[in-house]
Amino acid sequence: MENNIIIIALLVNAAISYVISTMVKNREISQSKVFWISFLLSPIVGMFAAIMSPEVKGETKEVINEGELNLPDYNKEDVFVNFIDKNLVYLIVALAVFMLITGLYK
C-alpha cells in the first residue's frame, strides 16, 4: 500500500511539473530544466524559476515600409496570470488527487 502511494505521488508530481514546464516557451531557461527543477525540488520552486527567467527577445528586423519601422509585437500580459488562467483546473484537480491519496483530506 505504501509503495502505491509513493508511485501515485511521483506521478502527480511529474504531471504538475510538466504543466509548469509548458509555460517557458518564450523564456531563456529551457523546458527540460524547469521540469527537472520542479520535479526534484518542488513545483513551487520550478514555477518561480520559470517566472524569474528573462524573456527571449525576438530578433528585431528593420524592415522599412513607406517610412515605418516594423518591429515584432510582444505580448505585454503577465505570464503568471496567463499560466494560472490556462491551467487552474489541472492544478486544482492535481492538488485534490494529491490530498486524497496522501490522506490530508478526509
Protein backbone atom coordinates (compact mmCIF):
# COMPACT_ATOMS: atom_id res chain seq x y z
CA MET A 1 0.00 0.00 0.00
CA GLU A 2 2.83 2.41 0.84
CA ASN A 3 4.53 1.72 -2.48
CA ASN A 4 1.33 2.59 -4.36
CA ILE A 5 1.05 5.92 -2.56
CA ILE A 6 4.65 6.79 -3.37
CA ILE A 7 4.19 5.88 -7.04
CA ILE A 8 0.98 7.89 -7.35
CA ALA A 9 2.57 10.88 -5.57
CA LEU A 10 5.50 10.76 -8.00
CA LEU A 11 3.12 10.62 -10.97
CA VAL A 12 1.14 13.60 -9.66
CA ASN A 13 4.40 15.47 -9.06
CA ALA A 14 5.52 14.69 -12.61
CA ALA A 15 2.19 15.88 -14.03
CA ILE A 16 2.33 19.15 -12.11
CA SER A 17 5.97 19.62 -13.13
CA TYR A 18 5.06 19.07 -16.78
CA VAL A 19 2.28 21.66 -16.62
CA ILE A 20 4.68 24.17 -15.09
CA SER A 21 7.35 23.43 -17.69
CA THR A 22 4.96 24.16 -20.57
CA MET A 23 4.84 27.86 -19.71
CA VAL A 24 8.52 28.58 -20.52
CA LYS A 25 8.32 28.54 -24.30
CA ASN A 26 9.42 32.17 -24.63
CA ARG A 27 11.92 32.17 -21.75
CA GLU A 28 15.70 31.77 -21.66
CA ILE A 29 15.50 28.73 -19.37
CA SER A 30 14.72 25.51 -21.19
CA GLN A 31 11.58 23.49 -20.68
CA SER A 32 13.53 20.42 -19.54
CA LYS A 33 15.42 22.40 -16.89
CA VAL A 34 12.20 23.73 -15.42
CA PHE A 35 10.71 20.24 -15.43
CA TRP A 36 13.63 18.74 -13.54
CA ILE A 37 13.86 21.65 -11.10
CA SER A 38 10.18 21.37 -10.29
CA PHE A 39 10.23 17.56 -10.18
CA LEU A 40 13.31 17.18 -7.99
CA LEU A 41 12.97 20.22 -5.73
CA SER A 42 9.36 21.32 -5.71
CA PRO A 43 6.75 22.53 -8.20
CA ILE A 44 6.71 25.87 -6.40
CA VAL A 45 10.47 26.27 -6.86
CA GLY A 46 10.12 25.30 -10.53
CA MET A 47 7.33 27.83 -11.01
CA PHE A 48 9.45 30.61 -9.53
CA ALA A 49 12.43 29.56 -11.68
CA ALA A 50 10.23 29.74 -14.76
CA ILE A 51 8.73 33.10 -13.86
CA MET A 52 12.05 34.70 -12.89
CA SER A 53 13.81 33.65 -16.10
CA PRO A 54 14.04 36.59 -18.53
CA GLU A 55 12.03 36.53 -21.72
CA VAL A 56 13.76 35.86 -25.02
CA LYS A 57 13.73 38.91 -27.18
CA GLY A 58 12.84 38.25 -30.80
CA GLU A 59 15.17 39.46 -33.48
CA THR A 60 14.17 42.95 -34.45
CA LYS A 61 14.02 43.28 -38.19
CA GLU A 62 14.46 46.72 -39.57
CA VAL A 63 12.12 46.45 -42.50
CA ILE A 64 11.03 49.86 -43.66
CA ASN A 65 7.74 50.17 -45.49
CA GLU A 66 6.96 53.69 -46.53
CA GLY A 67 8.96 55.23 -43.69
CA GLU A 68 7.60 52.96 -40.93
CA LEU A 69 9.66 50.58 -38.82
CA ASN A 70 8.10 47.13 -38.43
CA LEU A 71 9.05 45.62 -35.08
CA PRO A 72 7.76 42.35 -33.65
CA ASP A 73 4.68 42.67 -31.49
CA TYR A 74 5.49 41.48 -27.97
CA ASN A 75 2.77 40.22 -25.70
CA LYS A 76 2.73 42.52 -22.67
CA GLU A 77 0.42 40.42 -20.49
CA ASP A 78 1.64 38.88 -17.28
CA VAL A 79 2.94 35.34 -17.83
CA PHE A 80 1.94 34.09 -14.39
CA VAL A 81 -1.66 35.25 -14.81
CA ASN A 82 -1.87 33.56 -18.23
CA PHE A 83 -0.45 30.35 -16.77
CA ILE A 84 -2.98 30.31 -13.93
CA ASP A 85 -5.86 31.11 -16.31
CA LYS A 86 -4.96 28.27 -18.66
CA ASN A 87 -4.07 25.61 -16.09
CA LEU A 88 -6.16 26.37 -12.99
CA VAL A 89 -8.43 23.36 -13.42
CA TYR A 90 -5.47 21.00 -13.81
CA LEU A 91 -3.76 22.44 -10.74
CA ILE A 92 -6.90 22.10 -8.59
CA VAL A 93 -7.55 18.53 -9.74
CA ALA A 94 -3.90 17.57 -9.13
CA LEU A 95 -4.00 19.13 -5.67
CA ALA A 96 -7.27 17.34 -4.81
CA VAL A 97 -5.92 13.99 -6.01
CA PHE A 98 -2.71 14.52 -4.09
CA MET A 99 -4.63 15.40 -0.90
CA LEU A 100 -6.94 12.38 -1.23
CA ILE A 101 -4.06 10.00 -1.84
CA THR A 102 -1.87 11.23 0.98
CA GLY A 103 -4.74 11.38 3.48
CA LEU A 104 -4.59 15.12 4.08
CA TYR A 105 -8.28 15.41 3.24
CA LYS A 106 -10.72 13.00 4.84
